[in-house]
Amino acid sequence: MPSERVRNTIITVVTTVWAINFGAGLLVPTYEPDQSINAIFMAIVGGLFAIGARNSNKSDGGDS
């Protein structure tokens, strides 16, 4: 499992690229981003958030 720092760095980088990709679709009329990119970015960020929540729950000693 990645450390919290690595997880946060990856989330920040992916979210930044995702925002640039979204902005390019709005600002550049000829640019049409592939819609599967949104699903890929969402899966990466969502998965890392889920891993972080799971690790946080284990470190708290709780298993609700």
PDB file of N, CA and C in Angstrom:
ATOM      1  N   MET A   1       0.832  -1.183   0.000  1.00  0.00           N
ATOM      2  CA  MET A   1       0.000   0.000   0.000  1.00  0.00           C
ATOM      3  C   MET A   1       0.879   1.250   0.000  1.00  0.00           C
ATOM      4  N   PRO A   2       0.496   2.233  -0.794  1.00  0.00           N
ATOM      5  CA  PRO A   2       1.292   3.466  -0.826  1.00  0.00           C
ATOM      6  C   PRO A   2       1.131   4.267   0.463  1.00  0.00           C
ATOM      7  N   SER A   3       2.176   4.998   0.803  1.00  0.00           N
ATOM      8  CA  SER A   3       2.100   5.840   1.998  1.00  0.00           C
ATOM      9  C   SER A   3       1.128   6.989   1.741  1.00  0.00           C
ATOM     10  N   GLU A   4       0.768   7.679   2.813  1.00  0.00           N
ATOM     11  CA  GLU A   4      -0.176   8.793   2.690  1.00  0.00           C
ATOM     12  C   GLU A   4       0.394   9.897   1.802  1.00  0.00           C
ATOM     13  N   ARG A   5       1.669  10.158   1.930  1.00  0.00           N
ATOM     14  CA  ARG A   5       2.302  11.211   1.126  1.00  0.00           C
ATOM     15  C   ARG A   5       2.277  10.856  -0.357  1.00  0.00           C
ATOM     16  N   VAL A   6       2.605   9.618  -0.691  1.00  0.00           N
ATOM     17  CA  VAL A   6       2.588   9.173  -2.088  1.00  0.00           C
ATOM     18  C   VAL A   6       1.171   9.227  -2.633  1.00  0.00           C
ATOM     19  N   ARG A   7       0.221   8.765  -1.839  1.00  0.00           N
ATOM     20  CA  ARG A   7      -1.193   8.778  -2.249  1.00  0.00           C
ATOM     21  C   ARG A   7      -1.666  10.201  -2.525  1.00  0.00           C
ATOM     22  N   ASN A   8      -1.349  11.119  -1.633  1.00  0.00           N
ATOM     23  CA  ASN A   8      -1.761  12.516  -1.819  1.00  0.00           C
ATOM     24  C   ASN A   8      -1.086  13.149  -3.027  1.00  0.00           C
ATOM     25  N   THR A   9       0.170  12.813  -3.268  1.00  0.00           N
ATOM     26  CA  THR A   9       0.879  13.340  -4.433  1.00  0.00           C
ATOM     27  C   THR A   9       0.228  12.849  -5.725  1.00  0.00           C
ATOM     28  N   ILE A  10      -0.061  11.561  -5.789  1.00  0.00           N
ATOM     29  CA  ILE A  10      -0.699  11.000  -6.985  1.00  0.00           C
ATOM     30  C   ILE A  10      -2.078  11.623  -7.191  1.00  0.00           C
ATOM     31  N   ILE A  11      -2.856  11.765  -6.131  1.00  0.00           N
ATOM     32  CA  ILE A  11      -4.178  12.379  -6.229  1.00  0.00           C
ATOM     33  C   ILE A  11      -4.062  13.810  -6.745  1.00  0.00           C
ATOM     34  N   THR A  12      -3.088  14.559  -6.241  1.00  0.00           N
ATOM     35  CA  THR A  12      -2.898  15.947  -6.675  1.00  0.00           C
ATOM     36  C   THR A  12      -2.509  16.020  -8.152  1.00  0.00           C
ATOM     37  N   VAL A  13      -1.576  15.183  -8.570  1.00  0.00           N
ATOM     38  CA  VAL A  13      -1.132  15.193  -9.964  1.00  0.00           C
ATOM     39  C   VAL A  13      -2.272  14.793 -10.894  1.00  0.00           C
ATOM     40  N   VAL A  14      -2.967  13.712 -10.581  1.00  0.00           N
ATOM     41  CA  VAL A  14      -4.055  13.241 -11.436  1.00  0.00           C
ATOM     42  C   VAL A  14      -5.173  14.272 -11.496  1.00  0.00           C
ATOM     43  N   THR A  15      -5.521  14.876 -10.365  1.00  0.00           N
ATOM     44  CA  THR A  15      -6.576  15.885 -10.344  1.00  0.00           C
ATOM     45  C   THR A  15      -6.174  17.116 -11.145  1.00  0.00           C
ATOM     46  N   THR A  16      -4.905  17.506 -11.080  1.00  0.00           N
ATOM     47  CA  THR A  16      -4.426  18.651 -11.851  1.00  0.00           C
ATOM     48  C   THR A  16      -4.517  18.372 -13.353  1.00  0.00           C
ATOM     49  N   VAL A  17      -4.052  17.200 -13.769  1.00  0.00           N
ATOM     50  CA  VAL A  17      -4.122  16.832 -15.190  1.00  0.00           C
ATOM     51  C   VAL A  17      -5.580  16.735 -15.637  1.00  0.00           C
ATOM     52  N   TRP A  18      -6.431  16.193 -14.774  1.00  0.00           N
ATOM     53  CA  TRP A  18      -7.858  16.071 -15.066  1.00  0.00           C
ATOM     54  C   TRP A  18      -8.469  17.461 -15.283  1.00  0.00           C
ATOM     55  N   ALA A  19      -8.133  18.403 -14.417  1.00  0.00           N
ATOM     56  CA  ALA A  19      -8.655  19.769 -14.539  1.00  0.00           C
ATOM     57  C   ALA A  19      -8.139  20.446 -15.815  1.00  0.00           C
ATOM     58  N   ILE A  20      -6.868  20.229 -16.152  1.00  0.00           N
ATOM     59  CA  ILE A  20      -6.312  20.794 -17.384  1.00  0.00           C
ATOM     60  C   ILE A  20      -7.026  20.208 -18.595  1.00  0.00           C
ATOM     61  N   ASN A  21      -7.259  18.909 -18.559  1.00  0.00           N
ATOM     62  CA  ASN A  21      -7.967  18.246 -19.652  1.00  0.00           C
ATOM     63  C   ASN A  21      -9.384  18.805 -19.795  1.00  0.00           C
ATOM     64  N   PHE A  22     -10.060  19.012 -18.689  1.00  0.00           N
ATOM     65  CA  PHE A  22     -11.407  19.573 -18.708  1.00  0.00           C
ATOM     66  C   PHE A  22     -11.381  21.008 -19.231  1.00  0.00           C
ATOM     67  N   GLY A  23     -10.441  21.807 -18.746  1.00  0.00           N
ATOM     68  CA  GLY A  23     -10.323  23.199 -19.172  1.00  0.00           C
ATOM     69  C   GLY A  23      -9.983  23.322 -20.649  1.00  0.00           C
ATOM     70  N   ALA A  24      -9.145  22.413 -21.143  1.00  0.00           N
ATOM     71  CA  ALA A  24      -8.792  22.445 -22.562  1.00  0.00           C
ATOM     72  C   ALA A  24     -10.022  22.213 -23.426  1.00  0.00           C
ATOM     73  N   GLY A  25     -10.920  21.349 -22.958  1.00  0.00           N
ATOM     74  CA  GLY A  25     -12.158  21.116 -23.698  1.00  0.00           C
ATOM     75  C   GLY A  25     -13.047  22.341 -23.754  1.00  0.00           C
ATOM     76  N   LEU A  26     -12.947  23.197 -22.754  1.00  0.00           N
ATOM     77  CA  LEU A  26     -13.744  24.421 -22.729  1.00  0.00           C
ATOM     78  C   LEU A  26     -13.086  25.570 -23.486  1.00  0.00           C
ATOM     79  N   LEU A  27     -11.766  25.651 -23.417  1.00  0.00           N
ATOM     80  CA  LEU A  27     -11.047  26.792 -23.979  1.00  0.00           C
ATOM     81  C   LEU A  27     -10.605  26.614 -25.426  1.00  0.00           C
ATOM     82  N   VAL A  28     -10.338  25.397 -25.829  1.00  0.00           N
ATOM     83  CA  VAL A  28      -9.873  25.135 -27.192  1.00  0.00           C
ATOM     84  C   VAL A  28     -11.026  24.498 -27.970  1.00  0.00           C
ATOM     85  N   PRO A  29     -11.624  25.235 -28.888  1.00  0.00           N
ATOM     86  CA  PRO A  29     -12.812  24.730 -29.580  1.00  0.00           C
ATOM     87  C   PRO A  29     -12.594  23.439 -30.368  1.00  0.00           C
ATOM     88  N   THR A  30     -11.390  23.221 -30.867  1.00  0.00           N
ATOM     89  CA  THR A  30     -11.144  22.023 -31.677  1.00  0.00           C
ATOM     90  C   THR A  30     -10.762  20.798 -30.842  1.00  0.00           C
ATOM     91  N   TYR A  31     -10.533  20.983 -29.551  1.00  0.00           N
ATOM     92  CA  TYR A  31     -10.116  19.865 -28.685  1.00  0.00           C
ATOM     93  C   TYR A  31     -11.337  19.156 -28.127  1.00  0.00           C
ATOM     94  N   GLU A  32     -11.412  17.870 -28.372  1.00  0.00           N
ATOM     95  CA  GLU A  32     -12.498  17.057 -27.821  1.00  0.00           C
ATOM     96  C   GLU A  32     -11.890  15.910 -27.034  1.00  0.00           C
ATOM     97  N   PRO A  33     -11.878  16.023 -25.705  1.00  0.00           N
ATOM     98  CA  PRO A  33     -11.282  14.958 -24.891  1.00  0.00           C
ATOM     99  C   PRO A  33     -12.110  13.676 -24.954  1.00  0.00           C
ATOM    100  N   ASP A  34     -11.419  12.556 -24.914  1.00  0.00           N
ATOM    101  CA  ASP A  34     -12.087  11.264 -24.897  1.00  0.00           C
ATOM    102  C   ASP A  34     -12.787  11.102 -23.545  1.00  0.00           C
ATOM    103  N   GLN A  35     -14.045  10.728 -23.562  1.00  0.00           N
ATOM    104  CA  GLN A  35     -14.816  10.630 -22.322  1.00  0.00           C
ATOM    105  C   GLN A  35     -14.329   9.508 -21.402  1.00  0.00           C
ATOM    106  N   SER A  36     -13.634   8.526 -21.947  1.00  0.00           N
ATOM    107  CA  SER A  36     -13.120   7.453 -21.091  1.00  0.00           C
ATOM    108  C   SER A  36     -12.022   7.964 -20.160  1.00  0.00           C
ATOM    109  N   ILE A  37     -11.397   9.093 -20.510  1.00  0.00           N
ATOM    110  CA  ILE A  37     -10.378   9.681 -19.642  1.00  0.00           C
ATOM    111  C   ILE A  37     -10.988  10.038 -18.291  1.00  0.00           C
ATOM    112  N   ASN A  38     -12.201  10.577 -18.294  1.00  0.00           N
ATOM    113  CA  ASN A  38     -12.868  10.923 -17.030  1.00  0.00           C
ATOM    114  C   ASN A  38     -13.049   9.692 -16.154  1.00  0.00           C
ATOM    115  N   ALA A  39     -13.438   8.581 -16.742  1.00  0.00           N
ATOM    116  CA  ALA A  39     -13.630   7.349 -15.970  1.00  0.00           C
ATOM    117  C   ALA A  39     -12.312   6.839 -15.402  1.00  0.00           C
ATOM    118  N   ILE A  40     -11.258   6.928 -16.192  1.00  0.00           N
ATOM    119  CA  ILE A  40      -9.939   6.472 -15.731  1.00  0.00           C
ATOM    120  C   ILE A  40      -9.453   7.333 -14.569  1.00  0.00           C
ATOM    121  N   PHE A  41      -9.539   8.662 -14.732  1.00  0.00           N
ATOM    122  CA  PHE A  41      -9.111   9.558 -13.658  1.00  0.00           C
ATOM    123  C   PHE A  41      -9.950   9.340 -12.401  1.00  0.00           C
ATOM    124  N   MET A  42     -11.254   9.184 -12.569  1.00  0.00           N
ATOM    125  CA  MET A  42     -12.132   8.980 -11.421  1.00  0.00           C
ATOM    126  C   MET A  42     -11.781   7.671 -10.699  1.00  0.00           C
ATOM    127  N   ALA A  43     -11.473   6.631 -11.471  1.00  0.00           N
ATOM    128  CA  ALA A  43     -11.115   5.345 -10.865  1.00  0.00           C
ATOM    129  C   ALA A  43      -9.810   5.452 -10.074  1.00  0.00           C
ATOM    130  N   ILE A  44      -8.834   6.158 -10.621  1.00  0.00           N
ATOM    131  CA  ILE A  44      -7.550   6.315  -9.931  1.00  0.00           C
ATOM    132  C   ILE A  44      -7.735   7.086  -8.624  1.00  0.00           C
ATOM    133  N   VAL A  45      -8.373   8.255  -8.720  1.00  0.00           N
ATOM    134  CA  VAL A  45      -8.544   9.099  -7.530  1.00  0.00           C
ATOM    135  C   VAL A  45      -9.463   8.422  -6.516  1.00  0.00           C
ATOM    136  N   GLY A  46     -10.566   7.859  -6.979  1.00  0.00           N
ATOM    137  CA  GLY A  46     -11.492   7.169  -6.073  1.00  0.00           C
ATOM    138  C   GLY A  46     -10.854   5.979  -5.385  1.00  0.00           C
ATOM    139  N   GLY A  47     -10.071   5.219  -6.150  1.00  0.00           N
ATOM    140  CA  GLY A  47      -9.387   4.068  -5.564  1.00  0.00           C
ATOM    141  C   GLY A  47      -8.383   4.469  -4.498  1.00  0.00           C
ATOM    142  N   LEU A  48      -7.638   5.544  -4.771  1.00  0.00           N
ATOM    143  CA  LEU A  48      -6.663   6.004  -3.781  1.00  0.00           C
ATOM    144  C   LEU A  48      -7.346   6.557  -2.534  1.00  0.00           C
ATOM    145  N   PHE A  49      -8.475   7.253  -2.703  1.00  0.00           N
ATOM    146  CA  PHE A  49      -9.223   7.709  -1.531  1.00  0.00           C
ATOM    147  C   PHE A  49      -9.750   6.516  -0.727  1.00  0.00           C
ATOM    148  N   ALA A  50     -10.216   5.482  -1.411  1.00  0.00           N
ATOM    149  CA  ALA A  50     -10.726   4.296  -0.722  1.00  0.00           C
ATOM    150  C   ALA A  50      -9.618   3.586   0.049  1.00  0.00           C
ATOM    151  N   ILE A  51      -8.442   3.473  -0.572  1.00  0.00           N
ATOM    152  CA  ILE A  51      -7.301   2.856   0.119  1.00  0.00           C
ATOM    153  C   ILE A  51      -6.934   3.673   1.353  1.00  0.00           C
ATOM    154  N   GLY A  52      -6.938   5.008   1.211  1.00  0.00           N
ATOM    155  CA  GLY A  52      -6.622   5.870   2.349  1.00  0.00           C
ATOM    156  C   GLY A  52      -7.627   5.721   3.473  1.00  0.00           C
ATOM    157  N   ALA A  53      -8.898   5.638   3.138  1.00  0.00           N
ATOM    158  CA  ALA A  53      -9.923   5.468   4.165  1.00  0.00           C
ATOM    159  C   ALA A  53      -9.792   4.106   4.838  1.00  0.00           C
ATOM    160  N   ARG A  54      -9.477   3.105   4.057  1.00  0.00           N
ATOM    161  CA  ARG A  54      -9.318   1.753   4.608  1.00  0.00           C
ATOM    162  C   ARG A  54      -8.116   1.701   5.552  1.00  0.00           C
ATOM    163  N   ASN A  55      -6.991   2.300   5.132  1.00  0.00           N
ATOM    164  CA  ASN A  55      -5.804   2.331   5.981  1.00  0.00           C
ATOM    165  C   ASN A  55      -6.048   3.146   7.243  1.00  0.00           C
ATOM    166  N   SER A  56      -6.783   4.241   7.121  1.00  0.00           N
ATOM    167  CA  SER A  56      -7.103   5.071   8.276  1.00  0.00           C
ATOM    168  C   SER A  56      -7.956   4.307   9.272  1.00  0.00           C
ATOM    169  N   ASN A  57      -8.901   3.551   8.764  1.00  0.00           N
ATOM    170  CA  ASN A  57      -9.775   2.761   9.630  1.00  0.00           C
ATOM    171  C   ASN A  57      -8.988   1.690  10.370  1.00  0.00           C
ATOM    172  N   LYS A  58      -8.041   1.046   9.680  1.00  0.00           N
ATOM    173  CA  LYS A  58      -7.223   0.021  10.328  1.00  0.00           C
ATOM    174  C   LYS A  58      -6.298   0.605  11.370  1.00  0.00           C
ATOM    175  N   SER A  59      -5.727   1.794  11.104  1.00  0.00           N
ATOM    176  CA  SER A  59      -4.795   2.397  12.055  1.00  0.00           C
ATOM    177  C   SER A  59      -5.512   2.927  13.288  1.00  0.00           C
ATOM    178  N   ASP A  60      -6.810   3.247  13.151  1.00  0.00           N
ATOM    179  CA  ASP A  60      -7.585   3.694  14.296  1.00  0.00           C
ATOM    180  C   ASP A  60      -7.961   2.541  15.211  1.00  0.00           C
ATOM    181  N   GLY A  61      -7.766   1.326  14.718  1.00  0.00           N
ATOM    182  CA  GLY A  61      -8.094   0.158  15.515  1.00  0.00           C
ATOM    183  C   GLY A  61      -9.553  -0.224  15.433  1.00  0.00           C
ATOM    184  N   GLY A  62     -10.321   0.496  14.639  1.00  0.00           N
ATOM    185  CA  GLY A  62     -11.748   0.211  14.526  1.00  0.00           C
ATOM    186  C   GLY A  62     -12.071  -0.586  13.293  1.00  0.00           C
ATOM    187  N   ASP A  63     -12.987  -1.512  13.438  1.00  0.00           N
ATOM    188  CA  ASP A  63     -13.490  -2.287  12.315  1.00  0.00           C
ATOM    189  C   ASP A  63     -14.995  -2.364  12.469  1.00  0.00           C
ATOM    190  N   SER A  64     -15.646  -1.260  12.084  1.00  0.00           N
ATOM    191  CA  SER A  64     -17.075  -1.134  12.296  1.00  0.00           C
ATOM    192  C   SER A  64     -17.869  -2.031  11.408  1.00  0.00           C
TER     193      SER A  64
END
